[in-house]
Protein backbone atom coordinates (compact mmCIF):
# COMPACT_ATOMS: atom_id res chain seq x y z
CA MET A 1 50.22 8.82 73.49
CA ILE A 2 52.62 6.16 75.08
CA ASP A 3 54.45 3.75 72.59
CA PHE A 4 54.80 0.30 73.98
CA VAL A 5 57.93 -1.39 72.72
CA HIS A 6 58.02 -5.27 73.09
CA PRO A 7 61.56 -6.36 74.49
CA ILE A 8 63.76 -7.66 72.01
CA ASN A 9 63.80 -11.15 73.98
CA SER A 10 60.02 -11.62 74.13
CA TYR A 11 58.80 -15.16 73.39
CA GLU A 12 57.28 -14.00 69.88
CA SER A 13 60.73 -12.26 69.00
CA TRP A 14 62.62 -15.30 69.89
CA SER A 15 60.48 -17.59 67.76
CA LYS A 16 60.90 -15.47 64.69
CA HIS A 17 64.46 -15.05 65.47
CA LEU A 18 65.38 -18.71 65.69
CA GLU A 19 63.58 -19.68 62.51
CA PRO A 20 66.97 -19.74 60.15
CA PHE A 21 68.68 -22.08 62.51
CA SER A 22 69.05 -25.74 62.23
CA THR A 23 67.55 -27.70 65.20
CA THR A 24 68.28 -30.84 67.08
CA GLN A 25 66.13 -32.36 69.60
CA ILE A 26 67.11 -35.02 72.07
CA SER A 27 65.29 -36.40 75.16
CA LEU A 28 66.24 -38.68 78.16
CA ARG A 29 64.11 -40.53 80.84
CA ASN A 30 64.85 -41.22 84.50
CA VAL A 31 63.39 -44.44 85.16
CA SER A 32 64.57 -44.88 88.59
CA PRO A 33 62.89 -43.30 92.06
CA GLU A 34 65.80 -41.23 92.52
CA GLU A 35 67.06 -37.99 90.58
CA GLN A 36 69.99 -38.46 88.42
CA TRP A 37 73.11 -36.28 87.03
CA VAL A 38 73.42 -37.41 83.68
CA ASN A 39 76.50 -36.99 81.41
CA VAL A 40 75.39 -35.48 77.92
CA TRP A 41 77.83 -34.95 74.79
CA GLY A 42 81.56 -35.06 75.75
CA ALA A 43 82.33 -38.02 73.30
CA ASN A 44 86.06 -37.28 73.50
CA GLN A 45 86.17 -37.79 77.43
CA GLY A 46 83.70 -40.79 77.29
CA ASN A 47 81.19 -38.70 79.13
CA SER A 48 78.36 -39.71 76.65
CA ASN A 49 76.71 -42.59 78.78
CA LEU A 50 76.86 -44.81 75.72
CA GLY A 51 78.06 -48.19 75.74
CA LYS A 52 81.96 -48.43 75.74
CA ALA A 53 84.32 -51.27 75.81
CA LYS A 54 87.97 -51.82 77.23
CA PHE A 55 89.94 -54.77 78.06
CA PHE A 56 92.58 -55.80 80.72
CA ALA A 57 95.15 -58.47 80.52
CA THR A 58 94.99 -61.64 82.43
CA ASN A 59 97.06 -64.95 82.78
CA THR A 60 96.86 -67.87 80.49
CA TYR A 61 93.47 -69.03 79.27
CA PRO A 62 90.81 -67.09 81.80
CA GLN A 63 87.64 -69.16 82.18
CA ALA A 64 85.43 -68.37 85.23
CA ILE A 65 84.90 -65.21 86.34
CA GLN A 66 82.67 -63.52 89.19
CA PHE A 67 82.15 -60.29 90.45
CA ASN A 68 82.25 -59.93 94.35
CA PRO A 69 79.63 -57.56 95.66
CA ILE A 70 81.24 -57.24 98.83
CA ASN A 71 84.51 -55.44 97.73
CA LYS A 72 83.37 -54.67 94.18
CA ALA A 73 86.33 -56.60 92.76
CA ILE A 74 86.52 -58.93 89.70
CA TYR A 75 87.85 -62.56 90.25
CA VAL A 76 89.16 -64.25 87.34
CA VAL A 77 90.13 -68.18 87.12
CA ASN A 78 93.22 -68.69 84.69
CA GLN A 79 92.81 -72.55 83.84
CA LEU A 80 96.08 -72.95 81.87
CA ALA A 81 98.10 -70.90 84.42
CA ALA A 82 96.25 -72.31 87.53
CA THR A 83 95.90 -68.96 89.16
CA LEU A 84 93.26 -66.67 90.52
CA GLN A 85 93.58 -62.91 89.59
CA ILE A 86 91.75 -60.43 91.59
CA PHE A 87 91.15 -57.12 89.85
CA ASN A 88 89.44 -53.73 90.68
CA LYS A 89 86.76 -52.25 88.53
CA ASN A 90 89.32 -49.96 86.90
CA GLY A 91 91.20 -53.35 85.73
CA GLN A 92 94.07 -52.89 88.28
CA LEU A 93 95.40 -56.21 89.68
CA LEU A 94 94.93 -56.46 93.22
CA ASN A 95 96.43 -59.71 94.00
CA GLU A 96 97.31 -62.97 92.11
CA ILE A 97 97.22 -66.38 93.85
CA ILE A 98 98.98 -69.31 92.59
CA LEU A 99 97.15 -72.40 92.99
CA ASP A 100 99.51 -74.87 91.74
CA HIS A 101 103.22 -74.38 91.97
CA ASN A 102 104.44 -76.96 89.53
CA ASN A 103 106.39 -75.93 86.64
CA ILE A 104 103.67 -77.25 84.31
CA PRO A 105 100.42 -76.37 86.36
CA THR A 106 97.96 -79.05 86.25
CA ALA A 107 95.13 -78.04 88.77
CA SER A 108 92.90 -76.86 85.91
CA PRO A 109 90.87 -74.39 87.97
CA ILE A 110 87.68 -74.03 86.05
CA ASP A 111 84.76 -72.62 88.44
CA ILE A 112 84.32 -70.06 91.16
CA GLU A 113 81.71 -68.91 93.42
CA ILE A 114 81.45 -65.92 95.58
CA ASN A 115 80.16 -66.12 99.49
CA SER A 116 77.61 -63.39 99.36
CA ILE A 117 77.80 -62.88 102.90
CA THR A 118 81.51 -63.02 103.88
CA GLY A 119 83.03 -62.15 100.49
CA ASP A 120 85.24 -65.45 100.46
CA ALA A 121 85.76 -66.90 97.09
CA TYR A 122 85.64 -70.74 96.29
CA VAL A 123 87.57 -72.15 93.40
CA ILE A 124 87.67 -75.73 92.34
CA GLY A 125 90.34 -77.62 90.54
CA SER A 126 89.03 -80.12 88.10
CA LEU A 127 92.25 -82.24 88.01
CA SER A 128 93.63 -81.24 91.30
CA ASN A 129 90.47 -82.38 92.96
CA LEU A 130 90.60 -79.41 95.42
CA LEU A 131 88.62 -76.46 96.56
CA TYR A 132 90.48 -73.51 97.17
CA VAL A 133 89.16 -71.00 99.55
CA VAL A 134 90.29 -67.56 99.30
CA SER A 135 89.50 -64.89 102.03
CA LEU A 136 88.09 -61.23 101.69
CA ASN A 137 91.76 -60.24 102.45
CA LEU A 138 92.61 -62.21 99.22
CA GLU A 139 94.69 -64.75 100.84
CA LEU A 140 94.38 -68.56 100.17
CA THR A 141 93.25 -69.64 103.58
CA LYS A 142 92.35 -73.32 103.03
CA THR A 143 92.04 -76.44 100.52
CA VAL A 144 89.60 -78.96 100.85
CA ALA A 145 90.00 -82.60 98.93
CA LEU A 146 86.96 -83.31 96.66
CA SER A 147 85.99 -86.31 94.76
CA ASN A 148 87.05 -86.92 91.28
CA ARG A 149 86.73 -84.37 88.52
CA PRO A 150 84.68 -81.27 90.02
CA PHE A 151 83.48 -79.13 87.35
CA SER A 152 80.64 -76.96 88.94
CA LEU A 153 80.10 -75.36 92.20
CA ARG A 154 77.29 -73.10 93.71
CA PHE A 155 76.89 -71.13 96.98
CA ASN A 156 73.48 -71.05 98.95
CA SER A 157 73.49 -68.26 101.39
CA LYS A 158 70.41 -69.61 103.06
CA THR A 159 71.88 -73.00 103.98
CA ASN A 160 75.61 -71.90 103.97
CA LYS A 161 76.45 -74.66 101.96
CA LEU A 162 78.35 -75.42 98.89
CA TYR A 163 77.02 -78.04 96.10
CA VAL A 164 79.64 -79.54 93.71
CA GLN A 165 79.05 -81.53 90.73
CA HIS A 166 81.28 -84.01 89.03
CA LEU A 167 82.06 -84.71 85.45
CA LEU A 168 82.33 -88.42 85.62
CA LEU A 169 80.43 -89.31 89.18
CA THR A 170 76.63 -89.62 89.61
CA THR A 171 76.80 -87.95 93.01
CA VAL A 172 76.80 -84.23 94.28
CA SER A 173 79.21 -83.25 96.99
CA ILE A 174 77.56 -80.87 99.59
CA LEU A 175 79.90 -78.81 101.81
CA ASP A 176 78.78 -77.67 105.20
CA LEU A 177 80.39 -74.19 106.00
CA ASN A 178 79.20 -74.43 109.34
CA ALA A 179 80.92 -77.78 110.06
CA ASP A 180 84.42 -76.72 108.94
CA TYR A 181 83.67 -78.02 105.14
CA ALA A 182 82.37 -81.43 106.20
CA ILE A 183 81.31 -83.08 102.74
CA VAL A 184 77.94 -85.25 102.46
CA SER A 185 77.78 -87.25 98.99
CA LEU A 186 74.30 -87.40 97.56
CA GLU A 187 73.70 -90.16 95.25
CA LEU A 188 71.71 -89.02 91.94
CA ASN A 189 72.18 -92.27 89.78
CA SER A 190 73.25 -90.27 86.67
CA VAL A 191 75.78 -87.84 85.70
CA GLN A 192 74.97 -84.39 86.26
CA ASP A 193 75.12 -81.42 84.06
CA GLY A 194 74.11 -78.21 86.00
CA ILE A 195 73.08 -76.92 89.37
CA ALA A 196 71.27 -74.13 90.80
CA VAL A 197 70.44 -72.54 94.13
CA ASN A 198 68.04 -70.40 95.54
CA ASP A 199 69.04 -68.02 98.47
CA ALA A 200 65.56 -67.09 99.26
CA LYS A 201 64.17 -70.59 100.01
CA GLY A 202 67.25 -72.53 100.49
CA THR A 203 66.24 -74.85 98.02
CA TRP A 204 68.48 -76.28 94.86
CA ALA A 205 68.33 -78.09 91.83
CA SER A 206 70.32 -80.35 89.74
CA LEU A 207 70.19 -81.24 85.65
CA SER A 208 70.91 -84.27 84.29
CA ASN A 209 70.77 -84.69 80.56
CA GLN A 210 71.73 -88.24 80.66
CA ALA A 211 68.49 -88.90 82.88
CA LYS A 212 66.73 -86.19 81.00
CA LYS A 213 65.20 -84.77 84.31
CA ILE A 214 65.74 -81.81 86.74
CA GLN A 215 65.38 -82.67 90.50
CA ILE A 216 64.82 -80.24 93.16
CA PHE A 217 65.47 -80.41 96.84
CA ASN A 218 64.99 -78.72 100.06
CA GLU A 219 67.51 -77.45 102.72
CA GLU A 220 67.73 -80.93 103.98
CA ASN A 221 68.41 -82.24 100.74
CA ILE A 222 65.13 -84.25 100.30
CA LEU A 223 63.68 -84.48 96.81
CA LEU A 224 60.60 -82.30 96.50
CA ARG A 225 59.98 -82.57 92.78
CA SER A 226 61.37 -84.25 89.49
CA PHE A 227 60.75 -82.68 85.90
CA GLU A 228 61.09 -84.76 82.81
CA ILE A 229 62.84 -82.86 80.19
CA SER A 230 62.14 -85.26 77.07
CA LEU A 231 64.75 -85.40 74.38
CA VAL A 232 66.17 -81.50 74.73
CA ASP A 233 69.61 -81.08 76.56
CA LEU A 234 69.48 -78.13 78.58
CA GLY A 235 72.40 -75.71 80.24
CA SER A 236 72.69 -72.78 82.59
CA LEU A 237 70.25 -73.88 85.39
CA LEU A 238 68.71 -70.87 87.35
CA PHE A 239 66.40 -70.13 89.89
CA SER A 240 64.31 -66.89 89.90
CA LYS A 241 64.73 -64.68 92.78
CA ASP A 242 61.54 -65.89 94.57
CA GLY A 243 62.50 -69.72 93.82
CA GLU A 244 59.19 -70.18 92.30
CA LYS A 245 60.56 -70.84 88.80
CA LEU A 246 63.56 -72.50 87.03
CA TYR A 247 65.18 -71.30 83.89
CA ALA A 248 67.19 -73.41 81.65
CA ILE A 249 68.58 -72.72 78.08
CA ILE A 250 67.71 -75.31 75.51
CA GLN A 251 70.98 -75.96 73.87
CA ASN A 252 71.28 -75.81 70.16
CA GLU A 253 67.97 -74.39 69.79
CA LYS A 254 67.26 -70.76 70.08
CA LYS A 255 64.97 -71.13 73.26
CA LEU A 256 64.82 -70.37 77.02
CA LEU A 257 62.77 -72.80 78.90
CA THR A 258 60.88 -71.85 82.08
CA ILE A 259 59.38 -74.25 84.69
CA ASN A 260 56.93 -73.27 87.25
CA ILE A 261 57.84 -74.96 90.31
CA VAL A 262 54.58 -74.02 92.29
CA ALA A 263 52.32 -75.29 89.49
CA GLY A 264 54.57 -78.56 88.83
CA THR A 265 54.63 -77.81 85.26
CA ILE A 266 57.01 -77.21 82.42
CA GLU A 267 55.85 -73.87 80.77
CA GLN A 268 56.11 -72.99 77.02
CA SER A 269 59.62 -72.22 76.11
CA VAL A 270 60.66 -68.82 74.98
CA PRO A 271 62.13 -68.35 71.31
CA PHE A 272 64.97 -65.99 70.37
CA ASP A 273 66.51 -64.75 67.29
CA ASN A 274 69.82 -66.16 68.06
CA GLN A 275 71.38 -68.85 70.40
CA PRO A 276 71.43 -68.24 73.90
CA ASN A 277 74.35 -69.59 75.91
CA SER A 278 74.06 -68.24 79.55
CA ILE A 279 71.85 -66.56 82.11
CA HIS A 280 72.00 -64.22 85.10
CA LEU A 281 69.62 -62.65 87.60
CA GLY A 282 69.55 -58.73 87.14
CA LYS A 283 67.68 -56.01 88.95
CA GLY A 284 64.59 -56.81 90.46
CA ASN A 285 62.83 -59.68 88.84
CA ASP A 286 64.82 -59.11 85.66
CA LEU A 287 66.97 -61.65 83.82
CA MET A 288 70.13 -61.16 81.66
CA ILE A 289 70.88 -63.72 78.86
CA SER A 290 73.83 -63.74 76.54
CA THR A 291 73.60 -64.84 72.96
CA THR A 292 75.96 -65.75 70.06
CA ALA A 293 75.74 -65.03 66.44
CA PRO A 294 75.30 -62.32 66.81
CA ASN A 295 77.06 -61.48 70.17
CA LYS A 296 74.71 -59.81 72.61
CA ILE A 297 73.47 -59.62 76.34
CA ILE A 298 69.75 -58.99 76.44
CA GLU A 299 67.86 -57.70 79.42
CA LEU A 300 64.56 -59.51 80.06
CA ASP A 301 61.81 -58.40 82.24
CA GLU A 302 59.57 -60.39 84.42
CA GLU A 303 57.30 -61.74 81.61
CA LEU A 304 60.49 -62.52 79.69
CA LYS A 305 60.34 -59.76 76.93
CA SER A 306 63.37 -57.94 75.79
CA VAL A 307 63.76 -54.53 77.28
CA SER A 308 67.41 -53.99 76.14
CA GLU A 309 70.19 -55.37 74.13
CA LEU A 310 73.92 -54.82 74.25
CA THR A 311 75.95 -55.85 71.11
CA ILE A 312 79.58 -56.77 72.16
CA ALA A 313 82.58 -57.74 70.00
CA ILE A 314 83.32 -61.31 71.49
CA LYS A 315 81.38 -64.30 72.55
CA PRO A 316 79.76 -63.94 75.76
CA ILE A 317 80.25 -67.55 77.08
CA GLN A 318 81.68 -66.67 80.36
CA TRP A 319 80.84 -63.40 82.09
CA THR A 320 79.71 -61.86 85.17
CA VAL A 321 77.91 -58.52 86.01
CA ASN A 322 78.00 -55.81 88.14
CA VAL A 323 74.23 -55.28 88.43
CA GLN A 324 74.13 -52.22 90.06
CA GLU A 325 76.40 -50.24 87.85
CA GLY A 326 75.42 -52.14 84.66
CA ILE A 327 78.89 -53.39 83.73
CA PHE A 328 79.55 -56.73 82.17
CA TYR A 329 82.99 -58.63 82.43
CA ILE A 330 83.52 -61.26 79.87
CA THR A 331 86.50 -63.72 79.58
CA ASP A 332 88.53 -63.87 76.21
CA ALA A 333 90.29 -66.89 76.82
CA ILE A 334 92.12 -67.20 73.50
CA ASN A 335 93.73 -63.59 73.88
CA ASN A 336 94.01 -63.75 77.69
CA LYS A 337 91.77 -60.69 78.16
CA ILE A 338 88.85 -59.54 80.13
CA SER A 339 86.29 -57.70 78.00
CA VAL A 340 84.63 -54.68 79.85
CA GLU A 341 81.49 -53.65 78.42
CA GLU A 342 79.14 -51.08 79.80
CA SER A 343 75.52 -50.47 78.93
CA ASN A 344 73.24 -47.39 79.45
CA SER A 345 70.64 -50.42 79.14
CA ILE A 346 70.96 -51.06 82.80
CA SER A 347 71.45 -47.46 83.71
CA PRO A 348 68.19 -45.78 85.01
CA ILE A 349 68.70 -43.10 82.16
CA VAL A 350 67.13 -44.09 78.63
CA PHE A 351 68.24 -41.74 75.92
CA SER A 352 66.12 -41.05 72.62
CA ASP A 353 67.00 -43.34 69.58
CA ASN A 354 68.55 -40.17 67.85
CA TYR A 355 71.20 -39.36 70.55
CA LYS A 356 74.00 -41.70 69.48
CA GLU A 357 73.92 -40.07 65.86
CA ALA A 358 73.68 -36.60 67.43
CA LEU A 359 76.76 -37.30 69.39
CA SER A 360 78.95 -38.72 66.61
CA ASP A 361 77.92 -35.79 64.55
CA PHE A 362 78.85 -33.08 66.89
CA GLN A 363 82.05 -34.75 67.67
CA HIS A 364 83.19 -34.66 63.93
CA ARG A 365 81.32 -31.72 62.96
CA PRO A 366 81.15 -29.29 65.92
CA ILE A 367 78.11 -26.93 66.08
CA LEU A 368 77.55 -23.32 67.16
CA LEU A 369 74.70 -23.01 69.59
CA ASN A 370 72.41 -20.17 69.22
CA HIS A 371 69.50 -20.99 71.79
CA LEU A 372 68.21 -23.74 73.85
CA LYS A 373 64.72 -24.91 74.86
CA VAL A 374 64.47 -27.41 77.63
CA PHE A 375 61.17 -28.99 79.08
CA TYR A 376 60.31 -31.37 81.40
CA SER A 377 57.22 -34.26 81.56
CA GLU A 378 56.40 -32.76 85.18
CA PRO A 379 57.22 -29.65 87.18
CA ASN A 380 60.65 -29.61 88.26
CA GLN A 381 61.94 -27.86 91.39
CA MET A 382 65.69 -27.96 90.46
CA PRO A 383 66.04 -27.46 86.84
CA LEU A 384 69.84 -27.43 86.31
CA ILE A 385 72.52 -27.88 83.75
CA ARG A 386 76.40 -27.61 84.16
CA ILE A 387 78.28 -26.70 80.90
CA GLY A 388 81.65 -28.01 80.97
CA THR A 389 84.99 -28.50 78.72
CA LYS A 390 88.22 -30.11 79.08
CA SER A 391 91.11 -28.75 77.07
CA SER A 392 93.60 -30.87 75.26
CA SER A 393 95.96 -30.25 78.27
CA GLY A 394 93.56 -31.81 80.54
CA LYS A 395 92.19 -28.47 82.29
CA LEU A 396 88.77 -28.69 83.28
CA LYS A 397 86.04 -25.96 83.41
CA LYS A 398 82.61 -26.02 84.35
CA ARG A 399 79.73 -23.69 85.02
CA LEU A 400 76.22 -24.20 86.65
CA ILE A 401 73.00 -22.83 84.86
CA ALA A 402 70.01 -22.43 86.82
CA LEU A 403 67.01 -22.56 84.58
CA HIS A 404 64.35 -20.87 86.58
CA LYS A 405 65.50 -17.62 85.40
CA TYR A 406 64.61 -18.40 81.75
CA HIS A 407 61.40 -19.88 82.57
CA SER A 408 58.59 -18.89 79.66
CA PRO A 409 55.51 -18.32 81.46
CA GLN A 410 53.62 -18.60 78.00
CA HIS A 411 53.90 -22.28 78.11
CA ILE A 412 52.35 -25.15 80.15
CA PRO A 413 54.22 -27.26 80.86
CA THR A 414 56.96 -25.02 81.80
CA ILE A 415 59.66 -24.42 78.95
CA TYR A 416 63.10 -22.99 79.60
CA ASP A 417 64.40 -20.41 76.98
CA VAL A 418 68.04 -20.63 77.75
CA THR A 419 69.97 -17.84 76.12
CA GLU A 420 73.03 -18.31 78.37
CA ILE A 421 74.49 -20.72 75.97
CA LYS A 422 74.66 -18.61 72.95
CA ASN A 423 78.04 -18.97 70.93
CA GLU A 424 78.72 -22.11 72.98
CA ILE A 425 80.44 -24.94 70.76
CA LEU A 426 79.72 -28.17 70.84
CA ASP A 427 82.15 -30.79 69.89
CA GLY A 428 83.94 -33.99 71.35
CA ARG A 429 85.42 -31.99 74.29
CA ALA A 430 82.57 -30.09 75.42
CA PHE A 431 80.17 -31.56 77.61
CA TRP A 432 76.95 -31.01 79.69
CA GLU A 433 75.62 -32.46 83.09
CA VAL A 434 71.81 -32.34 83.41
CA LEU A 435 69.78 -32.97 86.45
CA VAL A 436 66.69 -35.21 85.72
CA PRO A 437 64.02 -35.81 88.41
CA PRO A 438 62.80 -39.01 89.37
CA GLU A 439 60.66 -40.82 86.77
CA GLN A 440 60.56 -38.01 84.58
CA SER A 441 61.57 -37.08 80.98
CA MET A 442 63.78 -34.15 79.98
CA THR A 443 63.78 -32.73 76.33
CA MET A 444 66.26 -30.38 74.76
CA VAL A 445 65.97 -28.64 71.53
CA LEU A 446 69.25 -26.99 70.15
CA TYR A 447 69.15 -24.35 67.70
CA HIS A 448 72.62 -24.13 66.15
CA SER A 449 74.61 -23.27 62.78
C-alpha cells in the first residue's frame, strides 16, 4: 500500500498554519486606463502615496500664483516686494524678476496669467498700471501701459487676447497679442468684479456685482447674453471646459451657482458645508473648489458631487494646481511661503479607508510578516511586487517578486499565496511597490505577529 503525504505547504496546511496570526487587509484601486506602479508603506521615506505637505520661501507677501503647464514651473507674484519668482516643482528658485527698482516698490503686482500656447507669463501692476510680459526663458521682455488700477486679467487661447478689468473703471481692456498688444476698451457701464474666458469657443464673460449681472461676449466682443443675479454677490467666475456653463461662488453663502448658457437659465445653487472661495478646472469635466472653516480643497465630478476632499493647514485663498500630478500650491502671504500639498485624491490610485491607520501603526509598531495573500478583481497577466528597504545611511535595496509561482489553483478569482515574504519586517523604512492593472482593484491580506 502506498501512503500519500500531503505537502506541508498545501493550501489546507497553510490555512491551518495561519490561524494564530493577526491579519491586516488593505486594498487599492486603479481608476485610470493605464497600469500604475504604486508605493505602499515606507512612511519614513514619504513613499506612502498619502497626502503630504511642505513649504518653500518667497519674497514679501506672495499673492497671485500660477502653474505653467509648458515648463512645469510655479510662478509667484510677491505684491510688497514687487517681484515675480519662478520655482521648479521641488521649490528651487529658477529666477527672480524685479518689476519695480525703487527703494520702496510701489508697482503692487497682484495677478498673473500664463499663455497656454507659448508659456509666456503676464503680470499686472495695480499701482504701476503696467502689464509685464515674461518669456518662457524667464526674462522680462515687454511692458505695456494700462488704464488706471488694473486688478484682474485672463488669457484666451482661442482669440489670443488678454482681458483686463480695472478696480475703479467701468471698462474692460482687451489686448490683442496678434497686433503687438493693441488695446481696445469695452464700456460695460458698471464696475466689474470678475472675468472668465472659454478657450474652446473663444467666448468670455464679465461679472458686475454693482449692476447685478453677468454678461457673455463672443470672440468679436459682441454681447450674446446677460444674466441678472438678484441680490447676491458673486466671485470666482469660471467657464466649464465645453463653454456651456458658468460657475460662480456666492460670497458669504455656502453655495456654488451654476448658469446654463445654452438654456439661458440660472440653475439651482449647490450647497456646501463650509464657505467656498475659489474654483479651478480639474481633469476631464471635474471641478476643484477651495473652502475655509475648515480649510479644504474639494474635487467635484460633472454632476458637482464631491468625489474627494483634501484638508490643508492654511486658508486656500490664492492657489494653483498641477492637475496631472495632483499637486496644489497655496500662497501663505503672512509667512512669505508657498504651501505644497499633494493629494492621492487626484491620483489614479484609491486606497481603502484603513490604509492610513495601518501605515501609521506599522511605522511606530513594526510587524513581523509570516504570510501574504494577494488577489485582483480580474485576471492579471503581470502580478508583480517589489520589496525594498532604505537603511539609515541611505542605502537602498530592492528585489522583484513575480507572483505567478504562488498561484493557488483552488480559488477563482486567482489568489497568490506569497511565502517569500516570511520574516520580512514592515516598519517606517520598509516599502513595497506593486503593479496595479488598468481599472482593477488589488487586495492584500498580511499575516503577521
